[in-house]
Amino acid sequence: MENVEALYYSKSDKNVVECHLCPHECVIGEGKEGMCRVRENRGGKLYALSYGKTVTVNLDPIEKKPLFHFMPGAQIVSIGPNGCTFTCKNCQNWNISQESVPTKDISPRELVELAEREHSVGVAFTYTEPLVWFEYLMDVLPLMREAGLKSVLVTNGYINEEPGSRIAPMVDGFNIDLKSFNNNFYRKYCGGEVEYVKRFIEIASAVSHVEVTNLLIPGLNDNLGEIEDMVKWLSGVSREIPLHFSRFFPHYRMNDRPPTSAESLQKAYEIGRRYLDYVYIGNIFIEGTENTYCPDCGKVVIERKGYSARNLMDSGCCPSCGKKIKGVWS
């Protein structure tokens, strides 16, 4: 597949360009790439090298994203590019996000046809960082809507406001990774700034379905005061945003820390429940923390075990009290 000229960049002297897609604002010389490794300056033009090039194609449970308020029990075609805007020291997919690997071309039309052939509810753009696929997404998302397919982005949310505001309404559902509420953590362990992620959560939640994941890493971002600040801020955006606290396991360049304890996750869960309607714990089984409860009467409306889900609602409402449950159900 031919490379496509990138959107959101400017030219300067001597064939140098500046990328404006994400807050890194990479200044890229002739023949060089941005830090995402998938946008290259060729002759004073910035090209999207990864357009339509995916590292993998799988059919996953929607709960794996994780999305708990979006078509529960559905299967969704999942793909991802070979690049990322972050350099997370604990990256679970570092071998496809931080290093170059073989990819497979799949055009926007071919992707739609694949999702239809697999009887998928749509496509999840995931595994690495789908926002570096901006040009590809701009082409494929309208085709998916026309075909009645749902779109999901599992993202770090690191994008400038103008392109972020442009793409957010085109997406049906997001899971945005809010890695910490501490900017020092973002700078040291991710290579980014938290305020841009917070802003994108605000932008996306105003026009689309958003869920948020927070991976708790012992000794780094599991301070209970910081967790409370985070959930209070999130509730100010909307107390209906589902929040997933996820268990950390040693990986990549962060092998010196133990897995997150069940006790730490339970404490975070309890803090979250004070401010938010829907809170979950992932990567570990703790009884009841995977279920969705009606925020008004407390009854279970979606019962989960692993990646299986039993939807007990009546047309998206609590069968006991009739409360409308936040989410995308059809």
C-alpha atoms as a PDB file:
ATOM      1  CA  MET A   1       0.000   0.000   0.000  1.00  0.00           C
ATOM      2  CA  GLU A   2       1.371   3.421  -0.931  1.00  0.00           C
ATOM      3  CA  ASN A   3       2.313   5.862   1.808  1.00  0.00           C
ATOM      4  CA  VAL A   4      -0.154   8.703   2.357  1.00  0.00           C
ATOM      5  CA  GLU A   5       0.741  12.317   3.061  1.00  0.00           C
ATOM      6  CA  ALA A   6       0.124  13.051   6.726  1.00  0.00           C
ATOM      7  CA  LEU A   7      -2.365  15.531   8.079  1.00  0.00           C
ATOM      8  CA  TYR A   8      -1.479  18.114  10.734  1.00  0.00           C
ATOM      9  CA  TYR A   9       2.047  19.217   9.984  1.00  0.00           C
ATOM     10  CA  SER A  10       3.830  22.365   8.867  1.00  0.00           C
ATOM     11  CA  LYS A  11       6.939  23.002   6.780  1.00  0.00           C
ATOM     12  CA  SER A  12       9.916  25.157   7.649  1.00  0.00           C
ATOM     13  CA  ASP A  13      13.268  25.911   6.065  1.00  0.00           C
ATOM     14  CA  LYS A  14      15.614  23.298   4.608  1.00  0.00           C
ATOM     15  CA  ASN A  15      12.910  20.619   4.199  1.00  0.00           C
ATOM     16  CA  VAL A  16      12.313  20.369   7.962  1.00  0.00           C
ATOM     17  CA  VAL A  17       8.727  19.667   9.051  1.00  0.00           C
ATOM     18  CA  GLU A  18       6.920  19.883  12.376  1.00  0.00           C
ATOM     19  CA  CYS A  19       4.204  17.326  13.173  1.00  0.00           C
ATOM     20  CA  HIS A  20       1.137  18.690  14.954  1.00  0.00           C
ATOM     21  CA  LEU A  21      -0.830  15.477  15.486  1.00  0.00           C
ATOM     22  CA  CYS A  22       0.230  14.897  19.076  1.00  0.00           C
ATOM     23  CA  PRO A  23       1.674  17.106  21.834  1.00  0.00           C
ATOM     24  CA  HIS A  24       5.252  15.975  21.129  1.00  0.00           C
ATOM     25  CA  GLU A  25       5.200  18.347  18.127  1.00  0.00           C
ATOM     26  CA  CYS A  26       8.175  16.479  16.636  1.00  0.00           C
ATOM     27  CA  VAL A  27      10.548  18.558  14.493  1.00  0.00           C
ATOM     28  CA  ILE A  28      11.615  16.113  11.787  1.00  0.00           C
ATOM     29  CA  GLY A  29      14.530  16.506   9.427  1.00  0.00           C
ATOM     30  CA  GLU A  30      14.793  15.125   5.895  1.00  0.00           C
ATOM     31  CA  GLY A  31      14.672  11.309   5.921  1.00  0.00           C
ATOM     32  CA  LYS A  32      13.892  11.153   9.660  1.00  0.00           C
ATOM     33  CA  GLU A  33      10.887   9.846  11.599  1.00  0.00           C
ATOM     34  CA  GLY A  34       8.926  11.235  14.530  1.00  0.00           C
ATOM     35  CA  MET A  35       9.139   9.486  17.873  1.00  0.00           C
ATOM     36  CA  CYS A  36       6.096   7.375  16.957  1.00  0.00           C
ATOM     37  CA  ARG A  37       8.271   5.823  14.184  1.00  0.00           C
ATOM     38  CA  VAL A  38       5.421   5.877  11.657  1.00  0.00           C
ATOM     39  CA  ARG A  39       5.557   9.458  10.319  1.00  0.00           C
ATOM     40  CA  GLU A  40       8.530  10.306   8.109  1.00  0.00           C
ATOM     41  CA  ASN A  41       9.815  13.418   6.355  1.00  0.00           C
ATOM     42  CA  ARG A  42      10.474  12.755   2.672  1.00  0.00           C
ATOM     43  CA  GLY A  43      11.541  15.744   0.630  1.00  0.00           C
ATOM     44  CA  GLY A  44       9.879  18.220   2.976  1.00  0.00           C
ATOM     45  CA  LYS A  45       6.578  16.328   3.135  1.00  0.00           C
ATOM     46  CA  LEU A  46       5.413  14.276   6.105  1.00  0.00           C
ATOM     47  CA  TYR A  47       4.127  10.823   5.235  1.00  0.00           C
ATOM     48  CA  ALA A  48       2.016   8.393   7.264  1.00  0.00           C
ATOM     49  CA  LEU A  49       4.140   5.265   6.818  1.00  0.00           C
ATOM     50  CA  SER A  50       1.739   2.984   8.688  1.00  0.00           C
ATOM     51  CA  TYR A  51      -1.395   3.743   6.659  1.00  0.00           C
ATOM     52  CA  GLY A  52      -3.375   0.489   6.454  1.00  0.00           C
ATOM     53  CA  LYS A  53      -0.499  -1.585   7.834  1.00  0.00           C
ATOM     54  CA  THR A  54      -1.552  -3.734  10.795  1.00  0.00           C
ATOM     55  CA  VAL A  55       0.604  -5.851  13.082  1.00  0.00           C
ATOM     56  CA  THR A  56      -2.187  -8.353  13.713  1.00  0.00           C
ATOM     57  CA  VAL A  57      -5.848  -9.174  13.077  1.00  0.00           C
ATOM     58  CA  ASN A  58      -7.857 -10.955  15.769  1.00  0.00           C
ATOM     59  CA  LEU A  59     -11.442 -11.532  16.825  1.00  0.00           C
ATOM     60  CA  ASP A  60     -11.679 -10.577  20.510  1.00  0.00           C
ATOM     61  CA  PRO A  61     -14.377 -10.325  23.176  1.00  0.00           C
ATOM     62  CA  ILE A  62     -15.343  -6.673  23.613  1.00  0.00           C
ATOM     63  CA  GLU A  63     -14.733  -7.127  27.350  1.00  0.00           C
ATOM     64  CA  LYS A  64     -11.020  -7.646  26.612  1.00  0.00           C
ATOM     65  CA  LYS A  65     -10.547  -4.002  25.531  1.00  0.00           C
ATOM     66  CA  PRO A  66     -11.831  -3.510  28.315  1.00  0.00           C
ATOM     67  CA  LEU A  67     -15.280  -2.154  27.488  1.00  0.00           C
ATOM     68  CA  PHE A  68     -18.049  -3.171  29.896  1.00  0.00           C
ATOM     69  CA  HIS A  69     -20.771  -0.763  28.756  1.00  0.00           C
ATOM     70  CA  PHE A  70     -20.450  -1.345  25.042  1.00  0.00           C
ATOM     71  CA  MET A  71     -22.245  -4.274  23.357  1.00  0.00           C
ATOM     72  CA  PRO A  72     -21.603  -6.762  26.222  1.00  0.00           C
ATOM     73  CA  GLY A  73     -20.810 -10.303  25.091  1.00  0.00           C
ATOM     74  CA  ALA A  74     -19.995  -9.196  21.528  1.00  0.00           C
ATOM     75  CA  GLN A  75     -16.987 -10.243  19.447  1.00  0.00           C
ATOM     76  CA  ILE A  76     -15.047  -7.532  17.632  1.00  0.00           C
ATOM     77  CA  VAL A  77     -12.337  -7.586  14.953  1.00  0.00           C
ATOM     78  CA  SER A  78      -9.217  -6.028  16.478  1.00  0.00           C
ATOM     79  CA  ILE A  79      -6.207  -4.547  14.671  1.00  0.00           C
ATOM     80  CA  GLY A  80      -3.358  -2.151  15.452  1.00  0.00           C
ATOM     81  CA  PRO A  81      -0.451  -0.227  13.904  1.00  0.00           C
ATOM     82  CA  ASN A  82       3.281  -0.686  14.528  1.00  0.00           C
ATOM     83  CA  GLY A  83       3.991   2.435  16.560  1.00  0.00           C
ATOM     84  CA  CYS A  84       3.174   4.536  19.604  1.00  0.00           C
ATOM     85  CA  THR A  85       3.427   8.096  20.928  1.00  0.00           C
ATOM     86  CA  PHE A  86       4.568   6.864  24.346  1.00  0.00           C
ATOM     87  CA  THR A  87       7.587   4.906  25.597  1.00  0.00           C
ATOM     88  CA  CYS A  88       6.001   3.261  28.646  1.00  0.00           C
ATOM     89  CA  LYS A  89       8.514   1.282  30.687  1.00  0.00           C
ATOM     90  CA  ASN A  90       5.839  -1.285  31.573  1.00  0.00           C
ATOM     91  CA  CYS A  91       4.361  -1.677  28.064  1.00  0.00           C
ATOM     92  CA  GLN A  92       2.578  -5.009  27.674  1.00  0.00           C
ATOM     93  CA  ASN A  93       2.908  -4.921  23.883  1.00  0.00           C
ATOM     94  CA  TRP A  94       6.388  -3.381  23.632  1.00  0.00           C
ATOM     95  CA  ASN A  95       7.453  -5.844  20.915  1.00  0.00           C
ATOM     96  CA  ILE A  96       4.891  -4.342  18.506  1.00  0.00           C
ATOM     97  CA  SER A  97       4.715  -0.767  19.832  1.00  0.00           C
ATOM     98  CA  GLN A  98       8.397   0.007  20.436  1.00  0.00           C
ATOM     99  CA  GLU A  99      10.063  -2.105  17.743  1.00  0.00           C
ATOM    100  CA  SER A 100       9.554  -2.514  13.998  1.00  0.00           C
ATOM    101  CA  VAL A 101       7.852  -5.770  13.020  1.00  0.00           C
ATOM    102  CA  PRO A 102       6.300  -7.163   9.828  1.00  0.00           C
ATOM    103  CA  THR A 103       2.852  -5.803   8.994  1.00  0.00           C
ATOM    104  CA  LYS A 104      -0.019  -6.725   6.710  1.00  0.00           C
ATOM    105  CA  ASP A 105      -1.755  -4.260   4.381  1.00  0.00           C
ATOM    106  CA  ILE A 106      -5.496  -3.908   4.782  1.00  0.00           C
ATOM    107  CA  SER A 107      -7.330  -1.130   2.947  1.00  0.00           C
ATOM    108  CA  PRO A 108     -10.314   0.676   4.507  1.00  0.00           C
ATOM    109  CA  ARG A 109     -12.732  -1.200   2.264  1.00  0.00           C
ATOM    110  CA  GLU A 110     -11.055  -4.544   2.982  1.00  0.00           C
ATOM    111  CA  LEU A 111     -11.344  -3.911   6.718  1.00  0.00           C
ATOM    112  CA  VAL A 112     -15.080  -3.285   6.466  1.00  0.00           C
ATOM    113  CA  GLU A 113     -15.515  -6.436   4.395  1.00  0.00           C
ATOM    114  CA  LEU A 114     -13.464  -8.438   6.923  1.00  0.00           C
ATOM    115  CA  ALA A 115     -15.622  -7.267   9.838  1.00  0.00           C
ATOM    116  CA  GLU A 116     -18.788  -8.173   7.940  1.00  0.00           C
ATOM    117  CA  ARG A 117     -17.392 -11.565   6.967  1.00  0.00           C
ATOM    118  CA  GLU A 118     -16.505 -12.348  10.582  1.00  0.00           C
ATOM    119  CA  HIS A 119     -19.966 -11.252  11.781  1.00  0.00           C
ATOM    120  CA  SER A 120     -18.235  -8.750  14.052  1.00  0.00           C
ATOM    121  CA  VAL A 121     -20.068  -5.816  15.638  1.00  0.00           C
ATOM    122  CA  GLY A 122     -17.323  -3.621  14.221  1.00  0.00           C
ATOM    123  CA  VAL A 123     -13.603  -2.968  14.580  1.00  0.00           C
ATOM    124  CA  ALA A 124     -11.456  -2.157  17.609  1.00  0.00           C
ATOM    125  CA  PHE A 125      -8.279  -0.225  16.873  1.00  0.00           C
ATOM    126  CA  THR A 126      -6.054  -1.368  19.707  1.00  0.00           C
ATOM    127  CA  TYR A 127      -2.905  -3.253  20.834  1.00  0.00           C
ATOM    128  CA  THR A 128      -0.533  -0.302  20.227  1.00  0.00           C
ATOM    129  CA  GLU A 129      -1.597   3.343  19.697  1.00  0.00           C
ATOM    130  CA  PRO A 130      -4.348   3.778  17.097  1.00  0.00           C
ATOM    131  CA  LEU A 131      -4.204   7.581  17.053  1.00  0.00           C
ATOM    132  CA  VAL A 132      -0.932   7.408  15.071  1.00  0.00           C
ATOM    133  CA  TRP A 133      -3.164   5.866  12.371  1.00  0.00           C
ATOM    134  CA  PHE A 134      -5.025   9.169  12.080  1.00  0.00           C
ATOM    135  CA  GLU A 135      -5.166   9.343   8.271  1.00  0.00           C
ATOM    136  CA  TYR A 136      -6.259   5.705   8.015  1.00  0.00           C
ATOM    137  CA  LEU A 137      -8.945   6.234  10.646  1.00  0.00           C
ATOM    138  CA  MET A 138     -10.264   9.290   8.841  1.00  0.00           C
ATOM    139  CA  ASP A 139     -10.807   7.133   5.749  1.00  0.00           C
ATOM    140  CA  VAL A 140     -12.130   3.954   7.351  1.00  0.00           C
ATOM    141  CA  LEU A 141     -14.447   5.308  10.076  1.00  0.00           C
ATOM    142  CA  PRO A 142     -17.033   6.801   7.657  1.00  0.00           C
ATOM    143  CA  LEU A 143     -17.118   3.512   5.719  1.00  0.00           C
ATOM    144  CA  MET A 144     -17.791   1.623   8.940  1.00  0.00           C
ATOM    145  CA  ARG A 145     -20.666   3.929   9.869  1.00  0.00           C
ATOM    146  CA  GLU A 146     -22.184   3.479   6.413  1.00  0.00           C
ATOM    147  CA  ALA A 147     -22.014  -0.293   6.880  1.00  0.00           C
ATOM    148  CA  GLY A 148     -23.604  -0.174  10.345  1.00  0.00           C
ATOM    149  CA  LEU A 149     -20.398  -1.268  12.089  1.00  0.00           C
ATOM    150  CA  LYS A 150     -19.257   0.030  15.475  1.00  0.00           C
ATOM    151  CA  SER A 151     -15.812   1.564  15.956  1.00  0.00           C
ATOM    152  CA  VAL A 152     -13.709   1.370  19.106  1.00  0.00           C
ATOM    153  CA  LEU A 153     -10.386   3.052  19.931  1.00  0.00           C
ATOM    154  CA  VAL A 154      -8.275   1.763  22.816  1.00  0.00           C
ATOM    155  CA  THR A 155      -5.871   4.645  23.221  1.00  0.00           C
ATOM    156  CA  ASN A 156      -3.497   6.573  25.459  1.00  0.00           C
ATOM    157  CA  GLY A 157      -5.435   9.713  24.494  1.00  0.00           C
ATOM    158  CA  TYR A 158      -2.284  11.639  23.576  1.00  0.00           C
ATOM    159  CA  ILE A 159      -3.411  13.891  20.757  1.00  0.00           C
ATOM    160  CA  ASN A 160      -3.622  17.624  20.156  1.00  0.00           C
ATOM    161  CA  GLU A 161      -6.981  19.279  20.641  1.00  0.00           C
ATOM    162  CA  GLU A 162      -7.773  20.090  16.994  1.00  0.00           C
ATOM    163  CA  PRO A 163      -7.268  16.568  15.558  1.00  0.00           C
ATOM    164  CA  GLY A 164      -8.734  15.081  18.743  1.00  0.00           C
ATOM    165  CA  SER A 165     -11.908  17.138  18.378  1.00  0.00           C
ATOM    166  CA  ARG A 166     -12.122  16.142  14.725  1.00  0.00           C
ATOM    167  CA  ILE A 167     -11.891  12.399  15.218  1.00  0.00           C
ATOM    168  CA  ALA A 168     -13.774  11.920  18.504  1.00  0.00           C
ATOM    169  CA  PRO A 169     -17.315  12.263  17.038  1.00  0.00           C
ATOM    170  CA  MET A 170     -16.467   9.698  14.376  1.00  0.00           C
ATOM    171  CA  VAL A 171     -15.791   6.961  16.953  1.00  0.00           C
ATOM    172  CA  ASP A 172     -18.530   5.008  18.757  1.00  0.00           C
ATOM    173  CA  GLY A 173     -16.533   3.995  21.823  1.00  0.00           C
ATOM    174  CA  PHE A 174     -13.224   4.690  23.541  1.00  0.00           C
ATOM    175  CA  ASN A 175     -11.217   3.103  26.280  1.00  0.00           C
ATOM    176  CA  ILE A 176      -8.718   5.779  27.295  1.00  0.00           C
ATOM    177  CA  ASP A 177      -5.745   4.864  29.445  1.00  0.00           C
ATOM    178  CA  LEU A 178      -5.291   7.397  32.255  1.00  0.00           C
ATOM    179  CA  LYS A 179      -1.984   6.067  33.501  1.00  0.00           C
ATOM    180  CA  SER A 180      -1.640   8.316  36.534  1.00  0.00           C
ATOM    181  CA  PHE A 181      -2.868  11.623  37.889  1.00  0.00           C
ATOM    182  CA  ASN A 182       0.727  12.706  38.468  1.00  0.00           C
ATOM    183  CA  ASN A 183       2.569  14.493  35.687  1.00  0.00           C
ATOM    184  CA  ASN A 184       5.960  13.406  37.033  1.00  0.00           C
ATOM    185  CA  PHE A 185       4.862   9.793  36.493  1.00  0.00           C
ATOM    186  CA  TYR A 186       3.851  10.560  32.912  1.00  0.00           C
ATOM    187  CA  ARG A 187       7.149  12.264  32.162  1.00  0.00           C
ATOM    188  CA  LYS A 188       9.373   9.619  33.782  1.00  0.00           C
ATOM    189  CA  TYR A 189       7.589   6.403  32.865  1.00  0.00           C
ATOM    190  CA  CYS A 190       5.537   7.214  29.745  1.00  0.00           C
ATOM    191  CA  GLY A 191       7.284  10.097  28.008  1.00  0.00           C
ATOM    192  CA  GLY A 192       4.292  12.420  27.967  1.00  0.00           C
ATOM    193  CA  GLU A 193       2.137  14.935  29.862  1.00  0.00           C
ATOM    194  CA  VAL A 194      -1.071  14.058  31.712  1.00  0.00           C
ATOM    195  CA  GLU A 195      -2.975  17.302  30.973  1.00  0.00           C
ATOM    196  CA  TYR A 196      -3.318  16.427  27.274  1.00  0.00           C
ATOM    197  CA  VAL A 197      -4.834  13.051  28.169  1.00  0.00           C
ATOM    198  CA  LYS A 198      -7.274  14.662  30.579  1.00  0.00           C
ATOM    199  CA  ARG A 199      -8.315  17.126  27.887  1.00  0.00           C
ATOM    200  CA  PHE A 200      -8.960  14.357  25.385  1.00  0.00           C
ATOM    201  CA  ILE A 201     -11.104  12.498  27.930  1.00  0.00           C
ATOM    202  CA  GLU A 202     -13.208  15.646  28.205  1.00  0.00           C
ATOM    203  CA  ILE A 203     -13.423  16.044  24.426  1.00  0.00           C
ATOM    204  CA  ALA A 204     -14.268  12.400  23.700  1.00  0.00           C
ATOM    205  CA  SER A 205     -16.779  11.941  26.524  1.00  0.00           C
ATOM    206  CA  ALA A 206     -18.788  14.914  25.248  1.00  0.00           C
ATOM    207  CA  VAL A 207     -19.448  13.246  21.879  1.00  0.00           C
ATOM    208  CA  SER A 208     -18.880   9.503  22.291  1.00  0.00           C
ATOM    209  CA  HIS A 209     -18.956   6.625  24.751  1.00  0.00           C
ATOM    210  CA  VAL A 210     -15.841   6.650  26.962  1.00  0.00           C
ATOM    211  CA  GLU A 211     -14.467   4.237  29.516  1.00  0.00           C
ATOM    212  CA  VAL A 212     -11.197   4.820  31.366  1.00  0.00           C
ATOM    213  CA  THR A 213      -8.514   2.381  32.530  1.00  0.00           C
ATOM    214  CA  ASN A 214      -6.001   3.014  35.306  1.00  0.00           C
ATOM    215  CA  LEU A 215      -3.227   0.434  35.761  1.00  0.00           C
ATOM    216  CA  LEU A 216      -2.125   0.518  39.396  1.00  0.00           C
ATOM    217  CA  ILE A 217       1.644   0.033  39.783  1.00  0.00           C
ATOM    218  CA  PRO A 218       2.853  -0.571  43.360  1.00  0.00           C
ATOM    219  CA  GLY A 219       4.809   2.351  44.751  1.00  0.00           C
ATOM    220  CA  LEU A 220       4.435   4.501  41.634  1.00  0.00           C
ATOM    221  CA  ASN A 221       0.802   5.517  41.073  1.00  0.00           C
ATOM    222  CA  ASP A 222      -1.169   3.710  43.788  1.00  0.00           C
ATOM    223  CA  ASN A 223      -1.177   6.491  46.390  1.00  0.00           C
ATOM    224  CA  LEU A 224      -4.722   6.619  47.740  1.00  0.00           C
ATOM    225  CA  GLY A 225      -4.801  10.416  47.846  1.00  0.00           C
ATOM    226  CA  GLU A 226      -3.782  10.574  44.195  1.00  0.00           C
ATOM    227  CA  ILE A 227      -6.403   7.967  43.303  1.00  0.00           C
ATOM    228  CA  GLU A 228      -9.068  10.014  45.077  1.00  0.00           C
ATOM    229  CA  ASP A 229      -8.003  13.153  43.204  1.00  0.00           C
ATOM    230  CA  MET A 230      -8.245  11.237  39.937  1.00  0.00           C
ATOM    231  CA  VAL A 231     -11.734   9.822  40.505  1.00  0.00           C
ATOM    232  CA  LYS A 232     -13.012  13.160  41.811  1.00  0.00           C
ATOM    233  CA  TRP A 233     -11.766  14.832  38.634  1.00  0.00           C
ATOM    234  CA  LEU A 234     -13.284  12.087  36.471  1.00  0.00           C
ATOM    235  CA  SER A 235     -16.631  12.437  38.251  1.00  0.00           C
ATOM    236  CA  GLY A 236     -16.493  16.152  37.400  1.00  0.00           C
ATOM    237  CA  VAL A 237     -16.372  15.187  33.726  1.00  0.00           C
ATOM    238  CA  SER A 238     -19.188  12.680  34.287  1.00  0.00           C
ATOM    239  CA  ARG A 239     -19.841  10.332  37.173  1.00  0.00           C
ATOM    240  CA  GLU A 240     -21.235   7.883  34.580  1.00  0.00           C
ATOM    241  CA  ILE A 241     -17.819   7.246  32.969  1.00  0.00           C
ATOM    242  CA  PRO A 242     -16.943   3.593  33.732  1.00  0.00           C
ATOM    243  CA  LEU A 243     -13.516   3.273  35.389  1.00  0.00           C
ATOM    244  CA  HIS A 244     -11.393   0.097  35.263  1.00  0.00           C
ATOM    245  CA  PHE A 245      -8.652  -0.345  37.875  1.00  0.00           C
ATOM    246  CA  SER A 246      -6.257  -2.907  36.415  1.00  0.00           C
ATOM    247  CA  ARG A 247      -3.654  -5.104  38.092  1.00  0.00           C
ATOM    248  CA  PHE A 248      -0.005  -4.554  37.147  1.00  0.00           C
ATOM    249  CA  PHE A 249       2.343  -7.444  36.386  1.00  0.00           C
ATOM    250  CA  PRO A 250       6.136  -7.031  35.973  1.00  0.00           C
ATOM    251  CA  HIS A 251       6.980  -6.581  32.302  1.00  0.00           C
ATOM    252  CA  TYR A 252       9.371  -5.019  29.776  1.00  0.00           C
ATOM    253  CA  ARG A 253      11.600  -2.503  31.594  1.00  0.00           C
ATOM    254  CA  MET A 254       9.673  -2.650  34.852  1.00  0.00           C
ATOM    255  CA  ASN A 255      10.521  -6.073  36.248  1.00  0.00           C
ATOM    256  CA  ASP A 256      11.584  -4.838  39.670  1.00  0.00           C
ATOM    257  CA  ARG A 257       8.112  -4.404  41.131  1.00  0.00           C
ATOM    258  CA  PRO A 258       5.641  -6.968  42.442  1.00  0.00           C
ATOM    259  CA  PRO A 259       2.155  -7.418  40.976  1.00  0.00           C
ATOM    260  CA  THR A 260      -0.484  -5.117  42.421  1.00  0.00           C
ATOM    261  CA  SER A 261      -2.022  -6.582  45.569  1.00  0.00           C
ATOM    262  CA  ALA A 262      -5.709  -7.414  45.780  1.00  0.00           C
ATOM    263  CA  GLU A 263      -5.896  -5.191  48.861  1.00  0.00           C
ATOM    264  CA  SER A 264      -4.591  -2.159  46.957  1.00  0.00           C
ATOM    265  CA  LEU A 265      -7.042  -2.724  44.120  1.00  0.00           C
ATOM    266  CA  GLN A 266      -9.932  -3.170  46.557  1.00  0.00           C
ATOM    267  CA  LYS A 267      -9.113   0.125  48.278  1.00  0.00           C
ATOM    268  CA  ALA A 268      -9.005   1.915  44.919  1.00  0.00           C
ATOM    269  CA  TYR A 269     -12.326   0.311  43.987  1.00  0.00           C
ATOM    270  CA  GLU A 270     -13.951   1.540  47.185  1.00  0.00           C
ATOM    271  CA  ILE A 271     -12.667   5.093  46.616  1.00  0.00           C
ATOM    272  CA  GLY A 272     -13.914   4.998  43.032  1.00  0.00           C
ATOM    273  CA  ARG A 273     -17.377   3.849  44.064  1.00  0.00           C
ATOM    274  CA  ARG A 274     -17.765   6.925  46.282  1.00  0.00           C
ATOM    275  CA  TYR A 275     -17.561   9.233  43.282  1.00  0.00           C
ATOM    276  CA  LEU A 276     -18.438   7.182  40.189  1.00  0.00           C
ATOM    277  CA  ASP A 277     -21.446   5.086  39.218  1.00  0.00           C
ATOM    278  CA  TYR A 278     -19.487   2.285  37.531  1.00  0.00           C
ATOM    279  CA  VAL A 279     -16.129   0.958  38.787  1.00  0.00           C
ATOM    280  CA  TYR A 280     -14.387  -2.337  37.993  1.00  0.00           C
ATOM    281  CA  ILE A 281     -11.251  -4.321  38.790  1.00  0.00           C
ATOM    282  CA  GLY A 282      -9.389  -6.209  36.061  1.00  0.00           C
ATOM    283  CA  ASN A 283      -6.498  -8.658  35.638  1.00  0.00           C
ATOM    284  CA  ILE A 284      -7.463 -10.374  38.901  1.00  0.00           C
ATOM    285  CA  PHE A 285     -10.650 -12.004  40.182  1.00  0.00           C
ATOM    286  CA  ILE A 286     -12.199 -10.210  43.150  1.00  0.00           C
ATOM    287  CA  GLU A 287     -15.777 -11.311  43.756  1.00  0.00           C
ATOM    288  CA  GLY A 288     -18.373  -8.852  42.466  1.00  0.00           C
ATOM    289  CA  THR A 289     -15.972  -6.243  41.068  1.00  0.00           C
ATOM    290  CA  GLU A 290     -16.604  -7.249  37.440  1.00  0.00           C
ATOM    291  CA  ASN A 291     -20.383  -6.892  37.649  1.00  0.00           C
ATOM    292  CA  THR A 292     -22.320  -3.800  36.665  1.00  0.00           C
ATOM    293  CA  TYR A 293     -24.683  -2.556  39.387  1.00  0.00           C
ATOM    294  CA  CYS A 294     -27.575  -0.160  39.015  1.00  0.00           C
ATOM    295  CA  PRO A 295     -26.421   3.116  40.621  1.00  0.00           C
ATOM    296  CA  ASP A 296     -29.942   3.760  41.960  1.00  0.00           C
ATOM    297  CA  CYS A 297     -31.117   0.453  43.456  1.00  0.00           C
ATOM    298  CA  GLY A 298     -27.870  -1.550  43.552  1.00  0.00           C
ATOM    299  CA  LYS A 299     -29.151  -4.561  41.624  1.00  0.00           C
ATOM    300  CA  VAL A 300     -26.815  -6.450  39.254  1.00  0.00           C
ATOM    301  CA  VAL A 301     -27.656  -5.474  35.667  1.00  0.00           C
ATOM    302  CA  ILE A 302     -24.715  -7.194  33.917  1.00  0.00           C
ATOM    303  CA  GLU A 303     -23.128 -10.272  35.449  1.00  0.00           C
ATOM    304  CA  ARG A 304     -19.576 -11.121  34.349  1.00  0.00           C
ATOM    305  CA  LYS A 305     -17.053 -13.870  34.756  1.00  0.00           C
ATOM    306  CA  GLY A 306     -13.824 -13.414  32.833  1.00  0.00           C
ATOM    307  CA  TYR A 307     -14.734 -12.341  29.308  1.00  0.00           C
ATOM    308  CA  SER A 308     -18.287 -13.711  29.443  1.00  0.00           C
ATOM    309  CA  ALA A 309     -21.192 -11.384  30.203  1.00  0.00           C
ATOM    310  CA  ARG A 310     -24.864 -11.967  30.991  1.00  0.00           C
ATOM    311  CA  ASN A 311     -26.935  -8.882  30.243  1.00  0.00           C
ATOM    312  CA  LEU A 312     -29.907  -8.717  32.623  1.00  0.00           C
ATOM    313  CA  MET A 313     -31.180  -5.330  31.464  1.00  0.00           C
ATOM    314  CA  ASP A 314     -34.438  -4.498  29.759  1.00  0.00           C
ATOM    315  CA  SER A 315     -33.651  -2.267  26.741  1.00  0.00           C
ATOM    316  CA  GLY A 316     -30.653  -0.754  28.496  1.00  0.00           C
ATOM    317  CA  CYS A 317     -32.511  -0.157  31.748  1.00  0.00           C
ATOM    318  CA  CYS A 318     -32.353  -1.738  35.189  1.00  0.00           C
ATOM    319  CA  PRO A 319     -35.030  -4.475  35.295  1.00  0.00           C
ATOM    320  CA  SER A 320     -35.711  -3.676  38.951  1.00  0.00           C
ATOM    321  CA  CYS A 321     -36.144   0.113  39.076  1.00  0.00           C
ATOM    322  CA  GLY A 322     -36.038   1.186  35.416  1.00  0.00           C
ATOM    323  CA  LYS A 323     -32.889   3.333  35.721  1.00  0.00           C
ATOM    324  CA  LYS A 324     -31.229   3.984  32.341  1.00  0.00           C
ATOM    325  CA  ILE A 325     -27.739   2.467  32.445  1.00  0.00           C
ATOM    326  CA  LYS A 326     -24.977   4.421  30.698  1.00  0.00           C
ATOM    327  CA  GLY A 327     -23.654   2.626  27.635  1.00  0.00           C
ATOM    328  CA  VAL A 328     -24.019   1.449  24.043  1.00  0.00           C
ATOM    329  CA  TRP A 329     -26.292  -1.571  23.986  1.00  0.00           C
ATOM    330  CA  SER A 330     -27.306  -1.961  20.340  1.00  0.00           C
END
